[in-house]
Protein backbone atom coordinates (compact mmCIF):
# COMPACT_ATOMS: atom_id res chain seq x y z
CA UNK A 1 41.65 58.02 74.63
CA UNK A 2 43.77 55.96 76.40
CA UNK A 3 43.59 52.41 76.97
CA UNK A 4 42.34 52.65 80.43
CA UNK A 5 39.68 55.12 79.40
CA UNK A 6 38.88 53.37 76.58
CA UNK A 7 37.78 51.12 79.53
CA UNK A 8 36.43 52.42 81.63
CA UNK A 9 34.02 53.62 78.47
CA UNK A 10 33.10 50.51 77.31
CA UNK A 11 32.49 48.93 80.94
CA UNK A 12 29.31 47.86 82.02
CA UNK A 13 26.63 50.29 83.25
CA UNK A 14 25.87 50.01 87.71
CA UNK A 15 22.76 48.72 88.79
CA UNK A 16 20.11 50.88 89.41
CA UNK A 17 17.99 50.38 92.49
CA UNK A 18 15.59 47.43 91.90
CA UNK A 19 11.68 48.10 90.55
CA UNK A 20 9.23 46.16 92.80
CA UNK A 21 6.06 46.97 90.54
CA UNK A 22 5.09 44.37 88.36
CA UNK A 23 3.12 46.52 86.09
CA UNK A 24 6.12 48.99 85.75
CA UNK A 25 8.29 46.41 85.10
CA UNK A 26 6.10 44.61 82.18
CA UNK A 27 5.36 48.21 80.98
CA UNK A 28 9.75 48.73 80.59
CA UNK A 29 10.43 45.24 79.50
CA UNK A 30 8.25 45.70 76.95
CA UNK A 31 9.50 48.84 75.68
CA UNK A 32 13.05 47.99 75.40
CA UNK A 33 12.84 44.61 74.77
CA UNK A 34 11.94 45.90 71.10
CA UNK A 35 14.05 48.91 71.08
CA UNK A 36 16.83 47.14 72.05
CA UNK A 37 16.03 44.47 70.10
CA UNK A 38 15.52 45.83 66.57
CA UNK A 39 18.37 48.39 67.42
CA UNK A 40 20.91 45.13 66.90
CA UNK A 41 19.11 44.31 64.12
CA UNK A 42 19.62 46.91 62.63
CA UNK A 43 23.08 47.65 63.79
CA UNK A 44 24.46 44.03 62.45
CA UNK A 45 23.05 44.40 58.63
CA UNK A 46 25.67 47.09 58.80
CA UNK A 47 27.97 45.01 60.31
CA UNK A 48 27.72 42.65 57.69
CA UNK A 49 27.99 45.51 55.02
CA UNK A 50 31.42 47.02 55.91
CA UNK A 51 32.29 43.28 56.28
CA UNK A 52 31.34 42.11 52.60
CA UNK A 53 32.06 45.80 50.90
CA UNK A 54 35.08 44.94 49.56
CA UNK A 55 33.98 41.51 47.85
CA UNK A 56 31.52 43.48 45.65
CA UNK A 57 33.73 46.62 45.41
CA UNK A 58 36.92 43.97 43.58
CA UNK A 59 36.20 43.35 39.94
CA UNK A 60 36.65 47.65 39.95
CA UNK A 61 39.34 47.43 42.66
CA UNK A 62 41.34 44.33 40.89
CA UNK A 63 41.19 46.38 37.40
CA UNK A 64 41.90 49.36 38.58
CA UNK A 65 45.00 48.63 40.63
CA UNK A 66 45.87 45.75 38.44
CA UNK A 67 45.80 43.41 41.01
CA UNK A 68 45.76 39.24 41.24
CA UNK A 69 42.86 37.28 42.05
CA UNK A 70 45.18 36.09 44.29
CA UNK A 71 46.02 39.16 45.67
CA UNK A 72 42.50 40.17 46.36
CA UNK A 73 42.11 36.46 47.82
CA UNK A 74 44.33 37.14 50.41
CA UNK A 75 43.01 39.91 52.09
CA UNK A 76 39.68 38.32 52.01
CA UNK A 77 41.82 35.55 54.26
CA UNK A 78 43.02 37.58 56.11
CA UNK A 79 39.47 39.07 57.25
CA UNK A 80 38.11 35.34 57.92
CA UNK A 81 41.63 34.92 59.91
CA UNK A 82 41.32 37.83 61.72
CA UNK A 83 37.61 37.60 62.29
CA UNK A 84 37.98 34.42 63.55
CA UNK A 85 40.40 35.80 65.99
CA UNK A 86 37.99 38.57 66.68
CA UNK A 87 35.39 36.19 67.67
CA UNK A 88 37.76 35.68 71.07
CA UNK A 89 39.15 38.51 72.05
CA UNK A 90 35.44 40.40 71.57
CA UNK A 91 33.40 37.89 72.92
CA UNK A 92 35.41 38.23 76.14
CA UNK A 93 35.54 41.72 76.27
CA UNK A 94 31.84 41.83 75.82
CA UNK A 95 31.19 39.58 79.28
CA UNK A 96 32.65 42.68 80.87
CA UNK A 97 31.47 45.63 79.22
CA UNK A 98 28.02 47.03 77.78
CA UNK A 99 26.89 46.66 74.93
CA UNK A 100 25.16 49.66 74.17
CA UNK A 101 28.88 51.02 74.02
CA UNK A 102 30.79 48.34 72.51
CA UNK A 103 28.72 47.27 69.56
CA UNK A 104 28.52 50.95 68.64
CA UNK A 105 31.95 51.36 68.62
CA UNK A 106 33.15 48.50 67.14
CA UNK A 107 30.66 49.49 64.18
CA UNK A 108 32.36 53.01 64.07
CA UNK A 109 35.57 51.45 63.84
CA UNK A 110 34.58 49.31 60.76
CA UNK A 111 32.92 52.56 59.25
CA UNK A 112 36.50 54.10 59.57
CA UNK A 113 38.36 51.36 57.97
CA UNK A 114 36.05 50.91 55.06
CA UNK A 115 36.33 54.70 54.62
CA UNK A 116 40.65 54.79 55.23
CA UNK A 117 40.51 52.00 52.67
CA UNK A 118 38.78 54.12 49.97
CA UNK A 119 41.87 56.63 50.16
CA UNK A 120 44.68 54.00 49.81
CA UNK A 121 46.43 52.66 46.56
CA UNK A 122 49.22 50.94 48.17
CA UNK A 123 48.55 46.63 48.93
CA UNK A 124 49.87 46.62 51.73
CA UNK A 125 47.94 49.24 53.31
CA UNK A 126 44.79 47.65 51.70
CA UNK A 127 45.87 44.68 53.45
CA UNK A 128 46.98 46.25 56.96
CA UNK A 129 43.07 48.19 56.65
CA UNK A 130 41.21 44.94 56.19
CA UNK A 131 42.83 42.81 59.12
CA UNK A 132 42.20 45.77 61.02
CA UNK A 133 38.27 45.92 59.90
CA UNK A 134 38.10 42.34 60.77
CA UNK A 135 39.59 42.76 64.50
CA UNK A 136 36.56 44.79 65.13
CA UNK A 137 33.98 42.70 63.10
CA UNK A 138 34.27 40.71 66.36
CA UNK A 139 32.85 43.72 68.12
CA UNK A 140 29.18 42.84 66.75
CA UNK A 141 27.19 39.62 67.40
CA UNK A 142 29.24 39.18 71.26
CA UNK A 143 26.98 42.11 71.93
CA UNK A 144 24.10 41.10 70.07
CA UNK A 145 24.49 37.61 72.02
CA UNK A 146 24.82 39.26 75.55
CA UNK A 147 21.26 41.09 74.95
CA UNK A 148 19.82 37.83 73.49
CA UNK A 149 20.78 36.19 76.19
CA UNK A 150 19.83 38.89 79.39
CA UNK A 151 16.30 40.21 77.37
CA UNK A 152 14.83 37.45 76.14
CA UNK A 153 14.23 34.33 78.49
CA UNK A 154 15.54 30.59 77.23
CA UNK A 155 12.12 29.14 76.37
CA UNK A 156 11.59 31.67 73.58
CA UNK A 157 15.07 32.71 73.39
CA UNK A 158 15.52 30.26 69.73
CA UNK A 159 13.10 32.37 68.16
CA UNK A 160 14.59 35.38 69.03
CA UNK A 161 17.64 34.39 67.76
CA UNK A 162 16.38 32.90 64.51
CA UNK A 163 15.41 36.21 63.53
CA UNK A 164 18.06 38.55 64.57
CA UNK A 165 20.26 35.83 62.49
CA UNK A 166 18.15 36.57 59.56
CA UNK A 167 19.76 40.07 59.52
CA UNK A 168 22.99 38.50 57.78
CA UNK A 169 20.59 37.61 55.00
CA UNK A 170 19.58 41.29 54.83
CA UNK A 171 22.65 42.72 54.72
CA UNK A 172 23.86 40.01 52.79
CA UNK A 173 21.12 40.91 50.12
CA UNK A 174 21.43 44.87 50.32
CA UNK A 175 24.96 44.72 49.55
CA UNK A 176 25.35 43.56 45.87
CA UNK A 177 23.04 46.14 44.92
CA UNK A 178 24.34 49.01 46.98
CA UNK A 179 27.92 48.40 46.77
CA UNK A 180 27.68 47.75 43.51
CA UNK A 181 25.51 50.51 42.42
CA UNK A 182 27.73 53.31 43.47
CA UNK A 183 30.61 51.42 42.97
CA UNK A 184 29.00 51.11 39.00
CA UNK A 185 28.07 54.79 38.64
CA UNK A 186 31.15 56.46 41.07
CA UNK A 187 33.81 54.22 41.67
CA UNK A 188 35.23 51.82 43.83
CA UNK A 189 36.47 54.12 45.95
CA UNK A 190 32.89 55.81 46.70
CA UNK A 191 31.38 52.79 47.46
CA UNK A 192 33.93 52.15 49.98
CA UNK A 193 32.82 55.73 51.11
CA UNK A 194 29.38 54.79 51.39
CA UNK A 195 29.54 52.29 53.18
CA UNK A 196 32.30 53.45 55.83
CA UNK A 197 29.93 56.82 56.11
CA UNK A 198 26.84 55.45 56.71
CA UNK A 199 27.91 52.93 59.41
CA UNK A 200 29.75 55.83 61.64
CA UNK A 201 26.22 57.56 61.50
CA UNK A 202 24.04 53.61 62.67
CA UNK A 203 26.61 53.35 65.04
CA UNK A 204 25.62 56.99 66.90
CA UNK A 205 22.31 55.48 66.51
CA UNK A 206 23.23 52.66 68.49
CA UNK A 207 24.50 54.67 70.54
CA UNK A 208 20.99 56.66 71.28
CA UNK A 209 18.90 53.37 70.99
CA UNK A 210 20.92 50.78 73.28
CA UNK A 211 20.96 50.08 77.07
CA UNK A 212 22.94 47.51 79.41
CA UNK A 213 21.62 44.64 80.69
CA UNK A 214 17.83 44.31 82.74
CA UNK A 215 19.49 44.91 85.99
CA UNK A 216 21.48 48.64 85.00
CA UNK A 217 18.11 50.06 84.40
CA UNK A 218 16.55 48.24 87.70
CA UNK A 219 14.29 45.75 86.57
CA UNK A 220 14.40 42.22 87.43
CA UNK A 221 15.74 38.97 86.11
CA UNK A 222 14.43 38.09 82.03
CA UNK A 223 12.34 34.76 84.49
CA UNK A 224 11.19 36.45 86.99
CA UNK A 225 9.31 38.78 83.91
CA UNK A 226 8.29 36.27 81.51
CA UNK A 227 7.00 34.06 85.11
CA UNK A 228 3.70 34.99 85.72
CA UNK A 229 3.83 33.02 88.74
CA UNK A 230 6.49 35.47 90.29
CA UNK A 231 3.85 38.85 91.86
CA UNK A 232 6.30 39.09 93.92
CA UNK A 233 9.19 40.88 92.39
CA UNK A 234 11.40 42.49 95.61
CA UNK A 235 14.35 40.13 94.55
CA UNK A 236 17.51 41.76 93.00
CA UNK A 237 18.35 40.84 89.37
CA UNK A 238 21.09 38.00 88.91
CA UNK A 239 24.65 38.66 90.85
CA UNK A 240 26.19 41.26 88.29
CA UNK A 241 29.88 40.98 89.40
CA UNK A 242 32.44 39.59 86.38
CA UNK A 243 33.14 36.33 86.57
CA UNK A 244 37.64 36.65 87.18
CA UNK A 245 39.04 35.92 83.88
CA UNK A 246 40.89 32.47 84.54
CA UNK A 247 37.08 31.50 86.00
CA UNK A 248 35.58 32.64 82.95
CA UNK A 249 38.19 30.75 80.78
CA UNK A 250 37.52 27.63 82.98
CA UNK A 251 33.89 28.19 82.57
CA UNK A 252 34.20 28.15 78.70
CA UNK A 253 37.36 25.32 77.97
CA UNK A 254 36.19 22.86 80.97
CA UNK A 255 32.45 22.35 79.33
CA UNK A 256 32.92 19.24 76.79
CA UNK A 257 29.58 19.91 74.97
CA UNK A 258 31.15 23.76 73.94
CA UNK A 259 34.03 22.05 72.19
CA UNK A 260 31.83 19.68 70.70
CA UNK A 261 30.14 22.49 69.30
CA UNK A 262 32.97 24.59 68.03
CA UNK A 263 34.20 22.05 66.08
CA UNK A 264 30.49 20.89 64.86
CA UNK A 265 30.67 24.90 63.64
CA UNK A 266 34.19 25.13 61.84
CA UNK A 267 32.25 21.40 59.73
CA UNK A 268 29.03 23.65 58.94
CA UNK A 269 31.00 26.68 58.07
CA UNK A 270 33.28 24.89 56.09
CA UNK A 271 29.68 23.60 54.02
CA UNK A 272 28.13 26.69 54.16
CA UNK A 273 31.23 29.29 52.86
CA UNK A 274 31.91 25.95 50.17
CA UNK A 275 28.44 26.51 48.75
CA UNK A 276 28.16 30.28 48.94
CA UNK A 277 31.69 30.89 47.18
CA UNK A 278 31.57 27.94 44.63
CA UNK A 279 28.29 26.31 44.14
CA UNK A 280 27.73 28.81 41.03
CA UNK A 281 31.07 28.26 39.46
CA UNK A 282 30.65 24.50 39.57
CA UNK A 283 26.93 24.88 37.96
CA UNK A 284 28.47 27.49 35.39
CA UNK A 285 31.47 24.50 35.31
CA UNK A 286 29.32 21.05 34.86
CA UNK A 287 25.77 22.24 34.63
CA UNK A 288 25.65 24.19 31.71
CA UNK A 289 24.29 27.33 33.78
CA UNK A 290 24.98 30.51 32.21
CA UNK A 291 26.19 33.64 34.82
CA UNK A 292 23.33 35.21 35.61
CA UNK A 293 21.31 31.50 36.79
CA UNK A 294 24.37 30.37 38.63
CA UNK A 295 24.77 33.51 40.90
CA UNK A 296 20.67 33.44 40.95
CA UNK A 297 21.54 30.22 42.49
CA UNK A 298 22.99 32.06 45.87
CA UNK A 299 19.96 34.56 46.26
CA UNK A 300 17.26 30.41 46.45
CA UNK A 301 20.90 29.48 49.25
CA UNK A 302 20.21 32.33 50.90
CA UNK A 303 16.34 32.71 50.84
CA UNK A 304 16.08 29.14 51.95
CA UNK A 305 18.95 30.09 54.82
CA UNK A 306 16.37 33.10 56.10
CA UNK A 307 13.60 30.64 56.33
CA UNK A 308 16.03 27.91 57.66
CA UNK A 309 16.77 29.87 60.90
CA UNK A 310 14.23 31.01 61.59
CA UNK A 311 12.51 28.17 61.82
CA UNK A 312 15.39 26.26 63.96
CA UNK A 313 14.81 28.89 66.19
CA UNK A 314 10.94 28.19 66.45
CA UNK A 315 11.26 24.73 66.21
CA UNK A 316 14.27 24.22 69.08
CA UNK A 317 11.63 26.16 71.61
CA UNK A 318 8.46 25.10 70.71
CA UNK A 319 8.98 20.68 69.59
CA UNK A 320 12.23 20.42 71.58
CA UNK A 321 11.85 21.89 74.75
CA UNK A 322 15.48 23.66 74.19
CA UNK A 323 17.42 20.66 72.97
CA UNK A 324 19.18 21.92 70.03
CA UNK A 325 21.49 18.97 69.28
CA UNK A 326 18.30 16.99 68.31
CA UNK A 327 16.94 19.34 66.49
CA UNK A 328 20.82 19.53 64.42
CA UNK A 329 20.59 16.52 64.15
CA UNK A 330 17.91 15.56 62.20
CA UNK A 331 19.28 18.81 59.75
CA UNK A 332 21.95 16.82 59.28
CA UNK A 333 20.45 14.30 57.81
CA UNK A 334 18.25 15.91 55.10
CA UNK A 335 21.59 17.13 54.37
CA UNK A 336 22.64 13.62 53.78
CA UNK A 337 20.12 13.28 51.25
CA UNK A 338 20.27 16.53 49.40
CA UNK A 339 24.16 16.79 48.71
CA UNK A 340 24.15 13.61 47.01
CA UNK A 341 21.04 14.76 44.39
CA UNK A 342 22.95 17.53 43.94
CA UNK A 343 25.67 16.08 43.61
CA UNK A 344 24.51 13.14 41.43
CA UNK A 345 22.14 15.59 39.28
CA UNK A 346 18.96 13.47 40.60
CA UNK A 347 16.92 15.69 38.79
CA UNK A 348 17.98 17.07 35.23
CA UNK A 349 15.28 20.62 35.77
CA UNK A 350 17.38 23.59 36.59
CA UNK A 351 14.38 24.64 38.75
CA UNK A 352 14.32 21.77 40.65
CA UNK A 353 17.93 22.07 41.22
CA UNK A 354 17.07 25.75 42.35
CA UNK A 355 14.83 24.32 44.98
CA UNK A 356 17.92 21.07 45.65
CA UNK A 357 19.93 24.71 46.81
CA UNK A 358 17.54 26.27 48.76
CA UNK A 359 16.69 23.34 50.49
CA UNK A 360 20.05 22.94 51.23
CA UNK A 361 20.48 26.52 52.08
CA UNK A 362 17.66 25.61 54.85
CA UNK A 363 19.05 23.14 56.35
CA UNK A 364 23.03 24.16 56.73
CA UNK A 365 21.72 27.68 58.25
CA UNK A 366 19.93 25.70 60.79
CA UNK A 367 22.65 24.23 62.38
CA UNK A 368 24.49 27.34 62.02
CA UNK A 369 22.27 30.02 63.68
CA UNK A 370 21.65 27.17 66.61
CA UNK A 371 25.41 26.27 67.61
CA UNK A 372 25.93 29.50 68.36
CA UNK A 373 23.12 29.85 70.77
CA UNK A 374 23.62 26.78 72.77
CA UNK A 375 27.51 27.62 73.28
CA UNK A 376 25.92 30.56 74.83
CA UNK A 377 23.29 28.69 76.90
CA UNK A 378 26.00 26.06 78.42
CA UNK A 379 27.82 28.64 80.49
CA UNK A 380 27.22 30.46 83.13
CA UNK A 381 25.23 33.73 81.60
CA UNK A 382 28.58 35.84 82.97
CA UNK A 383 30.88 33.52 80.10
CA UNK A 384 28.06 33.57 77.37
CA UNK A 385 29.68 36.23 74.78
CA UNK A 386 33.06 34.13 75.59
CA UNK A 387 31.38 30.92 74.91
CA UNK A 388 29.60 32.38 71.37
CA UNK A 389 32.75 33.95 70.14
CA UNK A 390 34.71 30.89 70.97
CA UNK A 391 33.14 29.14 69.21
CA UNK A 392 32.86 31.16 66.52
CA UNK A 393 36.72 31.40 65.79
CA UNK A 394 35.76 27.92 64.66
CA UNK A 395 33.78 29.44 62.62
CA UNK A 396 35.86 31.41 60.59
CA UNK A 397 39.03 28.96 60.55
CA UNK A 398 35.94 26.66 58.69
CA UNK A 399 36.00 29.63 56.37
CA UNK A 400 39.09 30.17 55.26
CA UNK A 401 39.47 26.84 54.75
CA UNK A 402 37.16 26.80 52.09
CA UNK A 403 39.50 29.51 49.98
CA UNK A 404 42.82 28.16 49.09
CA UNK A 405 42.79 24.87 50.70
CA UNK A 406 39.35 24.34 48.84
CA UNK A 407 40.95 25.54 45.48
CA UNK A 408 43.73 23.13 45.52
CA UNK A 409 40.93 20.12 46.35
CA UNK A 410 39.16 21.15 43.29
CA UNK A 411 42.40 21.11 41.16
CA UNK A 412 43.46 17.95 42.26
CA UNK A 413 40.74 15.88 42.51
CA UNK A 414 37.85 17.94 40.43
CA UNK A 415 34.11 18.46 41.65
CA UNK A 416 34.43 14.81 43.69
CA UNK A 417 36.36 16.10 45.33
CA UNK A 418 34.93 19.13 46.53
CA UNK A 419 31.36 16.93 47.36
CA UNK A 420 33.33 14.48 49.32
CA UNK A 421 35.00 17.34 51.53
CA UNK A 422 31.18 18.37 51.98
CA UNK A 423 29.81 15.27 52.94
CA UNK A 424 32.92 14.85 54.96
CA UNK A 425 32.28 17.70 57.21
CA UNK A 426 28.87 16.76 57.41
CA UNK A 427 29.16 13.27 58.66
CA UNK A 428 31.46 14.61 61.55
CA UNK A 429 28.96 17.26 62.23
CA UNK A 430 26.43 14.24 63.01
CA UNK A 431 29.09 12.29 64.73
CA UNK A 432 29.64 15.14 67.12
CA UNK A 433 26.01 15.77 67.73
CA UNK A 434 25.19 12.09 68.29
CA UNK A 435 27.77 12.12 70.71
CA UNK A 436 26.11 15.24 72.25
CA UNK A 437 22.47 13.64 72.78
CA UNK A 438 23.88 10.40 74.09
CA UNK A 439 25.20 12.18 77.25
CA UNK A 440 22.78 14.81 77.49
CA UNK A 441 20.93 13.21 80.55
CA UNK A 442 23.29 13.76 82.49
CA UNK A 443 24.91 16.90 81.88
CA UNK A 444 23.46 20.43 82.78
CA UNK A 445 22.46 22.77 80.11
CA UNK A 446 22.30 25.82 81.48
CA UNK A 447 24.12 27.40 84.19
CA UNK A 448 21.89 29.63 85.82
CA UNK A 449 23.41 32.87 87.80
CA UNK A 450 22.70 32.84 91.46
CA UNK A 451 19.93 35.27 92.16
CA UNK A 452 20.30 37.03 96.29
CA UNK A 453 17.22 38.13 97.93
CA UNK A 454 17.67 42.35 97.81
CA UNK A 455 18.90 44.10 100.93
CA UNK A 456 15.81 45.51 103.14
C-alpha cells in the first residue's frame, strides 16, 4: 500500500445529510456514544499492553541473550523518545483522519512489532523494532481525544475523560499477570507473540466497532444533543473542513496556556514515572522492605491513580465548572505535603506509608489526566488532537528524564537528590498553574467551531 493510498484510507469520512428528528438523534447518540466509548477504552488497554510487554519479559530476555541492564535500558529509553515524538505526529495526523481506521491501524502495527520482536536475536534489531513500536504507540491516544471531544460535551467531558484514562491502569494491571505468566511458562518469545497476536485481533474489532465523528453519521454537534432546549435540530454539524496545516500549527503554538500545560506535563511525568520506577528500590534500600512488599507499593500507587483520574474529571466538571487548572493546583498543594511525609518517614508504619503512596498516586494522576483534556479544550476543536499530542510529547520527554538522568542524580546525591528533584518538579507545576489561574479571566478557554445553518 503506497503512502497516498494509506492516507486516503485513513482520511475523515464524508458528512451525511443531517438528521433533524429529535428522537432519532437521541436514540443514535445514546447507542453510538456507548459503543464508541467502550471501543476506545478496550483499544487503549491493548496499546498499553503492547507498549509495556517488553518490560515484563525483560528479565528473561536479559538472561537468554546475555544483555546488560544498560542495553535493555537503552531500548526502553528509545521507546519513550520515539513515542514522545510520535504523540505530536499522531496528533496532527489524527486531526485529519478517521479515528475508526487511524486507531485500528496503529494498534495493528504495534501488534506486528511485538510479534516480530519475538522472532529476532540481534540487539540492534530489537532496538529498531521497539522504535518502530514507539512510533505507532503515538496513534493510540489522539483518536481517543478526537472521539471524546466530538461525542461528549464540555460539561460532561471531564468525567468521561477520567473514566477513559483508567484504561492505563487496567492495562498496567493485566500486563504483569499475563505477559509474565506466558513468559514464565513458555518463554519470553511466546509472551511477545501473544501480545502481538491479541492486539492484532483487537485492532480488527476496533475496525468494526468504531466510527468517525457525529457529522459523518448525520448527527448534529453534541452540544445540540445535550441541550434539551434545542428542539429544532435543523442545523448542520460544526464545519468539518480541516484546518490548513499552517493554521493548525499556529492554533496550537500561539496559545500560551498550551505551552504552560505542556511544560507542566513534563514535570508531572517526572514525578509520576520516578515514583513508578524508583520508589520500590528506595523502599528496599532505605526502609528495609522486602522485594514483594516494595513492589506492592506500585499497586497502591496505581490504585490511588485510578481513583484520582476519575475524581479529577468528575470534580473539575461538577465543582470547578471546567476550570481544570484550579483543581490541578489543589493537587500540587496536597503533593507538597505528602512527598515530604514519605521522605522524612513521618509514619514508621508500613501500612500508613503505603496509604501515603496511594494518596500520592491519587493526586499525581489527577493533573496528569486533566492536562491532556485541558490542552484539547483550549484550541479549535479541529486542532484538539494536535494540542493533546504536543503536550504528550513533553510528558514522555519527562519520562525519559527519570531513566538515566535520575539514576545519575541518585548516584551523586543519594535519595535526598531524588526527593529534591520531585519537589522541584512539583514547585514548577505549581508556578505554571498559578500563572494560568491568574491569567484565566482574560483568556477564552475553548474556541468553538463555527456552526452554519443547514442549506435549504
